[in-house]
């Protein structure tokens, strides 16, 4: 007595699919147009009018006064940017992934950067910062991958601060010179005006005396004829 083998239909279909020759991909020549056409958009970084002086990768911290502890602000590239027109230099740092601003402030003549105690790869400084959209006095600490980068940062900031101080001194001296020149010119103009007034008064006096003399002569002539 013969027995009929029992076969799973799904398994049978699977075997047929596996044994079937693979069909070649056919090129229909059809071209599919994109549903949405994206246009190139110019993105402004706000740094177009500035030249980079320094660009180093680092990790930035901010001191939290309320919690009395350091809090990480992000990892990214810290830059010193010099404005092409004004010559002012600012420190800018953004997080490498989100591009969120971690620090954004000018380098002032009074700004000093000091090595962080116990770590020659880190340094600290105070600055009125504008990273959060409002001006706040912050205490920053920045850590670099090497001692060389940390020293380069400190030296460059110090040089910029000193140059900004000299620039302020030169500006004050120029403003003072301009003020003195204006005062001098004003005084000269005043002297000239006073001289002109004196000359005019003298001429008027002389003309008056001459007129009076002429009238007196006429009266004398009339009297002699009579």
C-alpha atoms as a PDB file:
ATOM      1  CA  UNK A   1       0.000   0.000   0.000  1.00  0.00           C
ATOM      2  CA  UNK A   2       1.518   3.208  -1.147  1.00  0.00           C
ATOM      3  CA  UNK A   3       1.527   6.271   1.071  1.00  0.00           C
ATOM      4  CA  UNK A   4       1.129   9.806  -0.192  1.00  0.00           C
ATOM      5  CA  UNK A   5       3.823  12.186   1.086  1.00  0.00           C
ATOM      6  CA  UNK A   6       2.547  15.165   2.944  1.00  0.00           C
ATOM      7  CA  UNK A   7       4.013  18.463   1.740  1.00  0.00           C
ATOM      8  CA  UNK A   8       3.646  21.874   3.281  1.00  0.00           C
ATOM      9  CA  UNK A   9       2.330  24.261   0.575  1.00  0.00           C
ATOM     10  CA  UNK A  10       4.301  27.165   1.832  1.00  0.00           C
ATOM     11  CA  UNK A  11       7.493  25.137   1.850  1.00  0.00           C
ATOM     12  CA  UNK A  12       6.790  23.903  -1.673  1.00  0.00           C
ATOM     13  CA  UNK A  13       6.247  27.418  -2.998  1.00  0.00           C
ATOM     14  CA  UNK A  14       9.416  28.533  -1.265  1.00  0.00           C
ATOM     15  CA  UNK A  15      11.411  25.788  -3.024  1.00  0.00           C
ATOM     16  CA  UNK A  16       9.993  26.820  -6.408  1.00  0.00           C
ATOM     17  CA  UNK A  17      10.964  30.416  -5.812  1.00  0.00           C
ATOM     18  CA  UNK A  18      14.481  29.426  -4.784  1.00  0.00           C
ATOM     19  CA  UNK A  19      14.953  27.147  -7.829  1.00  0.00           C
ATOM     20  CA  UNK A  20      13.531  29.680 -10.300  1.00  0.00           C
ATOM     21  CA  UNK A  21      16.154  31.557 -12.324  1.00  0.00           C
ATOM     22  CA  UNK A  22      16.754  35.107 -11.221  1.00  0.00           C
ATOM     23  CA  UNK A  23      15.147  37.638 -13.497  1.00  0.00           C
ATOM     24  CA  UNK A  24      17.398  40.311 -14.941  1.00  0.00           C
ATOM     25  CA  UNK A  25      16.622  43.893 -14.015  1.00  0.00           C
ATOM     26  CA  UNK A  26      15.059  45.536 -16.992  1.00  0.00           C
ATOM     27  CA  UNK A  27      15.811  49.148 -17.889  1.00  0.00           C
ATOM     28  CA  UNK A  28      12.514  50.692 -18.867  1.00  0.00           C
ATOM     29  CA  UNK A  29      14.107  54.022 -19.740  1.00  0.00           C
ATOM     30  CA  UNK A  30      11.584  55.875 -17.597  1.00  0.00           C
ATOM     31  CA  UNK A  31      12.807  58.989 -15.769  1.00  0.00           C
ATOM     32  CA  UNK A  32      11.265  59.911 -12.455  1.00  0.00           C
ATOM     33  CA  UNK A  33      11.203  63.620 -11.706  1.00  0.00           C
ATOM     34  CA  UNK A  34      11.728  64.709  -8.078  1.00  0.00           C
ATOM     35  CA  UNK A  35       8.550  65.564  -6.241  1.00  0.00           C
ATOM     36  CA  UNK A  36      10.081  68.594  -4.507  1.00  0.00           C
ATOM     37  CA  UNK A  37      12.781  70.753  -6.012  1.00  0.00           C
ATOM     38  CA  UNK A  38      15.168  72.040  -3.376  1.00  0.00           C
ATOM     39  CA  UNK A  39      16.864  75.362  -3.971  1.00  0.00           C
ATOM     40  CA  UNK A  40      20.280  76.257  -2.639  1.00  0.00           C
ATOM     41  CA  UNK A  41      20.021  78.623   0.293  1.00  0.00           C
ATOM     42  CA  UNK A  42      22.895  80.811   1.459  1.00  0.00           C
ATOM     43  CA  UNK A  43      23.475  80.358   5.184  1.00  0.00           C
ATOM     44  CA  UNK A  44      24.943  83.300   7.106  1.00  0.00           C
ATOM     45  CA  UNK A  45      27.235  82.515  10.032  1.00  0.00           C
ATOM     46  CA  UNK A  46      27.676  86.126  11.111  1.00  0.00           C
ATOM     47  CA  UNK A  47      31.420  85.739  10.615  1.00  0.00           C
ATOM     48  CA  UNK A  48      31.605  86.956   6.994  1.00  0.00           C
ATOM     49  CA  UNK A  49      33.100  90.340   7.973  1.00  0.00           C
ATOM     50  CA  UNK A  50      35.736  88.823  10.267  1.00  0.00           C
ATOM     51  CA  UNK A  51      39.114  87.169   9.775  1.00  0.00           C
ATOM     52  CA  UNK A  52      40.083  84.186  11.974  1.00  0.00           C
ATOM     53  CA  UNK A  53      43.149  84.685  14.162  1.00  0.00           C
ATOM     54  CA  UNK A  54      42.900  81.395  16.072  1.00  0.00           C
ATOM     55  CA  UNK A  55      40.876  78.196  15.626  1.00  0.00           C
ATOM     56  CA  UNK A  56      41.365  75.330  18.096  1.00  0.00           C
ATOM     57  CA  UNK A  57      39.249  72.400  19.246  1.00  0.00           C
ATOM     58  CA  UNK A  58      38.445  72.391  22.962  1.00  0.00           C
ATOM     59  CA  UNK A  59      35.886  71.707  25.685  1.00  0.00           C
ATOM     60  CA  UNK A  60      34.308  74.672  27.449  1.00  0.00           C
ATOM     61  CA  UNK A  61      32.943  74.944  30.988  1.00  0.00           C
ATOM     62  CA  UNK A  62      31.020  77.684  32.808  1.00  0.00           C
ATOM     63  CA  UNK A  63      31.069  78.162  36.553  1.00  0.00           C
ATOM     64  CA  UNK A  64      27.625  77.882  38.108  1.00  0.00           C
ATOM     65  CA  UNK A  65      27.537  80.229  41.117  1.00  0.00           C
ATOM     66  CA  UNK A  66      24.298  78.844  42.503  1.00  0.00           C
ATOM     67  CA  UNK A  67      25.476  75.239  42.412  1.00  0.00           C
ATOM     68  CA  UNK A  68      29.085  76.220  43.150  1.00  0.00           C
ATOM     69  CA  UNK A  69      30.387  73.893  40.430  1.00  0.00           C
ATOM     70  CA  UNK A  70      31.671  73.783  36.864  1.00  0.00           C
ATOM     71  CA  UNK A  71      29.147  72.891  34.163  1.00  0.00           C
ATOM     72  CA  UNK A  72      30.046  71.763  30.680  1.00  0.00           C
ATOM     73  CA  UNK A  73      28.905  74.070  27.874  1.00  0.00           C
ATOM     74  CA  UNK A  74      30.021  71.948  24.952  1.00  0.00           C
ATOM     75  CA  UNK A  75      32.799  70.623  22.741  1.00  0.00           C
ATOM     76  CA  UNK A  76      33.740  72.479  19.585  1.00  0.00           C
ATOM     77  CA  UNK A  77      36.169  74.952  18.017  1.00  0.00           C
ATOM     78  CA  UNK A  78      37.040  78.130  19.867  1.00  0.00           C
ATOM     79  CA  UNK A  79      37.831  81.016  17.507  1.00  0.00           C
ATOM     80  CA  UNK A  80      39.285  84.480  17.771  1.00  0.00           C
ATOM     81  CA  UNK A  81      37.797  86.633  14.980  1.00  0.00           C
ATOM     82  CA  UNK A  82      39.009  90.107  13.986  1.00  0.00           C
ATOM     83  CA  UNK A  83      36.533  92.480  12.349  1.00  0.00           C
ATOM     84  CA  UNK A  84      37.764  93.758   8.969  1.00  0.00           C
ATOM     85  CA  UNK A  85      36.551  97.340   9.556  1.00  0.00           C
ATOM     86  CA  UNK A  86      36.567  98.084  13.288  1.00  0.00           C
ATOM     87  CA  UNK A  87      39.534  95.852  14.145  1.00  0.00           C
ATOM     88  CA  UNK A  88      37.754  94.554  17.249  1.00  0.00           C
ATOM     89  CA  UNK A  89      38.385  90.924  18.185  1.00  0.00           C
ATOM     90  CA  UNK A  90      35.791  88.596  19.674  1.00  0.00           C
ATOM     91  CA  UNK A  91      35.904  85.065  21.052  1.00  0.00           C
ATOM     92  CA  UNK A  92      33.314  82.692  19.583  1.00  0.00           C
ATOM     93  CA  UNK A  93      32.739  79.004  20.275  1.00  0.00           C
ATOM     94  CA  UNK A  94      30.001  76.703  18.960  1.00  0.00           C
ATOM     95  CA  UNK A  95      29.135  73.114  19.787  1.00  0.00           C
ATOM     96  CA  UNK A  96      30.490  70.897  17.018  1.00  0.00           C
ATOM     97  CA  UNK A  97      27.244  68.924  16.442  1.00  0.00           C
ATOM     98  CA  UNK A  98      24.426  71.379  17.114  1.00  0.00           C
ATOM     99  CA  UNK A  99      26.394  74.582  16.295  1.00  0.00           C
ATOM    100  CA  UNK A 100      24.837  76.133  19.394  1.00  0.00           C
ATOM    101  CA  UNK A 101      26.857  79.097  20.672  1.00  0.00           C
ATOM    102  CA  UNK A 102      28.814  78.325  23.839  1.00  0.00           C
ATOM    103  CA  UNK A 103      30.670  81.624  24.171  1.00  0.00           C
ATOM    104  CA  UNK A 104      30.452  84.966  22.393  1.00  0.00           C
ATOM    105  CA  UNK A 105      32.242  88.039  23.748  1.00  0.00           C
ATOM    106  CA  UNK A 106      34.778  90.714  22.815  1.00  0.00           C
ATOM    107  CA  UNK A 107      38.395  90.547  23.912  1.00  0.00           C
ATOM    108  CA  UNK A 108      38.850  93.616  26.103  1.00  0.00           C
ATOM    109  CA  UNK A 109      42.171  95.252  27.041  1.00  0.00           C
ATOM    110  CA  UNK A 110      41.565  94.301  30.689  1.00  0.00           C
ATOM    111  CA  UNK A 111      40.910  90.630  29.900  1.00  0.00           C
ATOM    112  CA  UNK A 112      43.437  88.159  31.356  1.00  0.00           C
ATOM    113  CA  UNK A 113      43.683  84.394  30.896  1.00  0.00           C
ATOM    114  CA  UNK A 114      45.268  82.295  33.620  1.00  0.00           C
ATOM    115  CA  UNK A 115      46.278  78.649  33.790  1.00  0.00           C
ATOM    116  CA  UNK A 116      43.814  76.534  35.735  1.00  0.00           C
ATOM    117  CA  UNK A 117      45.308  75.266  38.962  1.00  0.00           C
ATOM    118  CA  UNK A 118      46.506  71.677  38.677  1.00  0.00           C
ATOM    119  CA  UNK A 119      45.929  71.312  34.911  1.00  0.00           C
ATOM    120  CA  UNK A 120      48.356  72.762  32.365  1.00  0.00           C
ATOM    121  CA  UNK A 121      45.936  71.954  29.522  1.00  0.00           C
ATOM    122  CA  UNK A 122      43.230  74.236  30.919  1.00  0.00           C
ATOM    123  CA  UNK A 123      42.875  77.958  31.558  1.00  0.00           C
ATOM    124  CA  UNK A 124      40.248  80.311  33.019  1.00  0.00           C
ATOM    125  CA  UNK A 125      39.047  83.891  32.449  1.00  0.00           C
ATOM    126  CA  UNK A 126      36.218  86.328  33.226  1.00  0.00           C
ATOM    127  CA  UNK A 127      34.177  88.042  30.498  1.00  0.00           C
ATOM    128  CA  UNK A 128      30.797  89.733  29.905  1.00  0.00           C
ATOM    129  CA  UNK A 129      29.335  87.088  27.605  1.00  0.00           C
ATOM    130  CA  UNK A 130      26.413  87.275  25.154  1.00  0.00           C
ATOM    131  CA  UNK A 131      26.016  83.579  24.263  1.00  0.00           C
ATOM    132  CA  UNK A 132      22.525  83.284  25.788  1.00  0.00           C
ATOM    133  CA  UNK A 133      21.192  86.457  24.165  1.00  0.00           C
ATOM    134  CA  UNK A 134      21.807  88.687  27.175  1.00  0.00           C
ATOM    135  CA  UNK A 135      24.976  90.188  28.578  1.00  0.00           C
ATOM    136  CA  UNK A 136      26.133  88.251  31.661  1.00  0.00           C
ATOM    137  CA  UNK A 137      29.407  88.198  33.558  1.00  0.00           C
ATOM    138  CA  UNK A 138      30.770  84.650  33.262  1.00  0.00           C
ATOM    139  CA  UNK A 139      33.722  82.686  34.560  1.00  0.00           C
ATOM    140  CA  UNK A 140      34.921  80.295  31.849  1.00  0.00           C
ATOM    141  CA  UNK A 141      37.267  77.345  31.881  1.00  0.00           C
ATOM    142  CA  UNK A 142      38.491  75.784  28.649  1.00  0.00           C
ATOM    143  CA  UNK A 143      40.398  72.514  28.233  1.00  0.00           C
ATOM    144  CA  UNK A 144      42.520  71.615  25.232  1.00  0.00           C
ATOM    145  CA  UNK A 145      43.886  68.327  23.962  1.00  0.00           C
ATOM    146  CA  UNK A 146      47.500  69.426  24.450  1.00  0.00           C
ATOM    147  CA  UNK A 147      49.606  71.798  26.515  1.00  0.00           C
ATOM    148  CA  UNK A 148      50.801  73.481  23.302  1.00  0.00           C
ATOM    149  CA  UNK A 149      47.254  74.412  22.252  1.00  0.00           C
ATOM    150  CA  UNK A 150      46.511  75.804  25.690  1.00  0.00           C
ATOM    151  CA  UNK A 151      49.649  77.971  25.651  1.00  0.00           C
ATOM    152  CA  UNK A 152      48.888  79.140  22.107  1.00  0.00           C
ATOM    153  CA  UNK A 153      45.398  80.194  23.189  1.00  0.00           C
ATOM    154  CA  UNK A 154      46.634  82.060  26.261  1.00  0.00           C
ATOM    155  CA  UNK A 155      49.427  83.856  24.385  1.00  0.00           C
ATOM    156  CA  UNK A 156      47.168  84.882  21.492  1.00  0.00           C
ATOM    157  CA  UNK A 157      44.466  86.245  23.799  1.00  0.00           C
ATOM    158  CA  UNK A 158      47.082  88.183  25.752  1.00  0.00           C
ATOM    159  CA  UNK A 159      48.520  89.695  22.548  1.00  0.00           C
ATOM    160  CA  UNK A 160      45.066  90.685  21.330  1.00  0.00           C
ATOM    161  CA  UNK A 161      44.167  92.267  24.676  1.00  0.00           C
ATOM    162  CA  UNK A 162      47.378  94.315  24.667  1.00  0.00           C
ATOM    163  CA  UNK A 163      46.853  95.432  21.050  1.00  0.00           C
ATOM    164  CA  UNK A 164      43.278  96.455  21.854  1.00  0.00           C
ATOM    165  CA  UNK A 165      44.601  98.461  24.815  1.00  0.00           C
ATOM    166  CA  UNK A 166      47.101 100.317  22.604  1.00  0.00           C
ATOM    167  CA  UNK A 167      44.362 100.934  20.069  1.00  0.00           C
ATOM    168  CA  UNK A 168      42.173 102.499  22.767  1.00  0.00           C
ATOM    169  CA  UNK A 169      45.082 104.691  23.897  1.00  0.00           C
ATOM    170  CA  UNK A 170      45.746 105.839  20.330  1.00  0.00           C
ATOM    171  CA  UNK A 171      42.050 106.562  19.854  1.00  0.00           C
ATOM    172  CA  UNK A 172      41.939 108.615  23.059  1.00  0.00           C
ATOM    173  CA  UNK A 173      45.053 110.537  21.984  1.00  0.00           C
ATOM    174  CA  UNK A 174      43.564 111.206  18.541  1.00  0.00           C
ATOM    175  CA  UNK A 175      40.263 112.341  20.039  1.00  0.00           C
ATOM    176  CA  UNK A 176      42.130 114.686  22.399  1.00  0.00           C
ATOM    177  CA  UNK A 177      44.203 116.110  19.547  1.00  0.00           C
ATOM    178  CA  UNK A 178      41.086 116.668  17.448  1.00  0.00           C
ATOM    179  CA  UNK A 179      39.394 118.397  20.374  1.00  0.00           C
ATOM    180  CA  UNK A 180      42.390 120.675  20.932  1.00  0.00           C
ATOM    181  CA  UNK A 181      42.537 121.462  17.237  1.00  0.00           C
ATOM    182  CA  UNK A 182      38.851 122.366  17.192  1.00  0.00           C
ATOM    183  CA  UNK A 183      39.305 124.559  20.256  1.00  0.00           C
ATOM    184  CA  UNK A 184      42.318 126.238  18.667  1.00  0.00           C
ATOM    185  CA  UNK A 185      40.442 126.832  15.441  1.00  0.00           C
ATOM    186  CA  UNK A 186      37.501 128.153  17.409  1.00  0.00           C
ATOM    187  CA  UNK A 187      39.724 130.553  19.324  1.00  0.00           C
ATOM    188  CA  UNK A 188      41.370 131.763  16.117  1.00  0.00           C
ATOM    189  CA  UNK A 189      38.013 132.300  14.520  1.00  0.00           C
ATOM    190  CA  UNK A 190      36.931 134.244  17.591  1.00  0.00           C
ATOM    191  CA  UNK A 191      40.055 136.419  17.445  1.00  0.00           C
ATOM    192  CA  UNK A 192      39.553 137.104  13.759  1.00  0.00           C
ATOM    193  CA  UNK A 193      35.926 138.020  14.332  1.00  0.00           C
ATOM    194  CA  UNK A 194      36.905 140.368  17.139  1.00  0.00           C
ATOM    195  CA  UNK A 195      39.508 142.023  14.920  1.00  0.00           C
ATOM    196  CA  UNK A 196      36.975 142.420  12.133  1.00  0.00           C
ATOM    197  CA  UNK A 197      34.518 144.017  14.548  1.00  0.00           C
ATOM    198  CA  UNK A 198      37.194 146.453  15.771  1.00  0.00           C
ATOM    199  CA  UNK A 199      38.177 147.390  12.217  1.00  0.00           C
ATOM    200  CA  UNK A 200      34.539 147.901  11.244  1.00  0.00           C
ATOM    201  CA  UNK A 201      33.939 150.058  14.308  1.00  0.00           C
ATOM    202  CA  UNK A 202      37.008 152.183  13.512  1.00  0.00           C
ATOM    203  CA  UNK A 203      35.919 152.620   9.912  1.00  0.00           C
ATOM    204  CA  UNK A 204      32.419 153.601  11.012  1.00  0.00           C
ATOM    205  CA  UNK A 205      33.878 156.099  13.477  1.00  0.00           C
ATOM    206  CA  UNK A 206      36.154 157.595  10.855  1.00  0.00           C
ATOM    207  CA  UNK A 207      33.295 157.855   8.337  1.00  0.00           C
ATOM    208  CA  UNK A 208      31.125 159.551  10.959  1.00  0.00           C
ATOM    209  CA  UNK A 209      33.814 162.085  11.796  1.00  0.00           C
ATOM    210  CA  UNK A 210      34.400 162.818   8.113  1.00  0.00           C
ATOM    211  CA  UNK A 211      30.690 163.360   7.523  1.00  0.00           C
ATOM    212  CA  UNK A 212      30.428 165.650  10.525  1.00  0.00           C
ATOM    213  CA  UNK A 213      33.410 167.690   9.295  1.00  0.00           C
ATOM    214  CA  UNK A 214      31.884 167.992   5.846  1.00  0.00           C
ATOM    215  CA  UNK A 215      28.611 169.256   7.262  1.00  0.00           C
ATOM    216  CA  UNK A 216      30.479 171.728   9.475  1.00  0.00           C
ATOM    217  CA  UNK A 217      32.382 173.076   6.472  1.00  0.00           C
ATOM    218  CA  UNK A 218      29.136 173.545   4.592  1.00  0.00           C
ATOM    219  CA  UNK A 219      27.648 175.492   7.488  1.00  0.00           C
ATOM    220  CA  UNK A 220      30.739 177.721   7.693  1.00  0.00           C
ATOM    221  CA  UNK A 221      30.537 178.433   3.950  1.00  0.00           C
ATOM    222  CA  UNK A 222      26.894 179.392   4.167  1.00  0.00           C
ATOM    223  CA  UNK A 223      27.581 181.692   7.067  1.00  0.00           C
ATOM    224  CA  UNK A 224      30.401 183.518   5.256  1.00  0.00           C
ATOM    225  CA  UNK A 225      28.198 184.161   2.185  1.00  0.00           C
ATOM    226  CA  UNK A 226      25.509 185.656   4.352  1.00  0.00           C
END
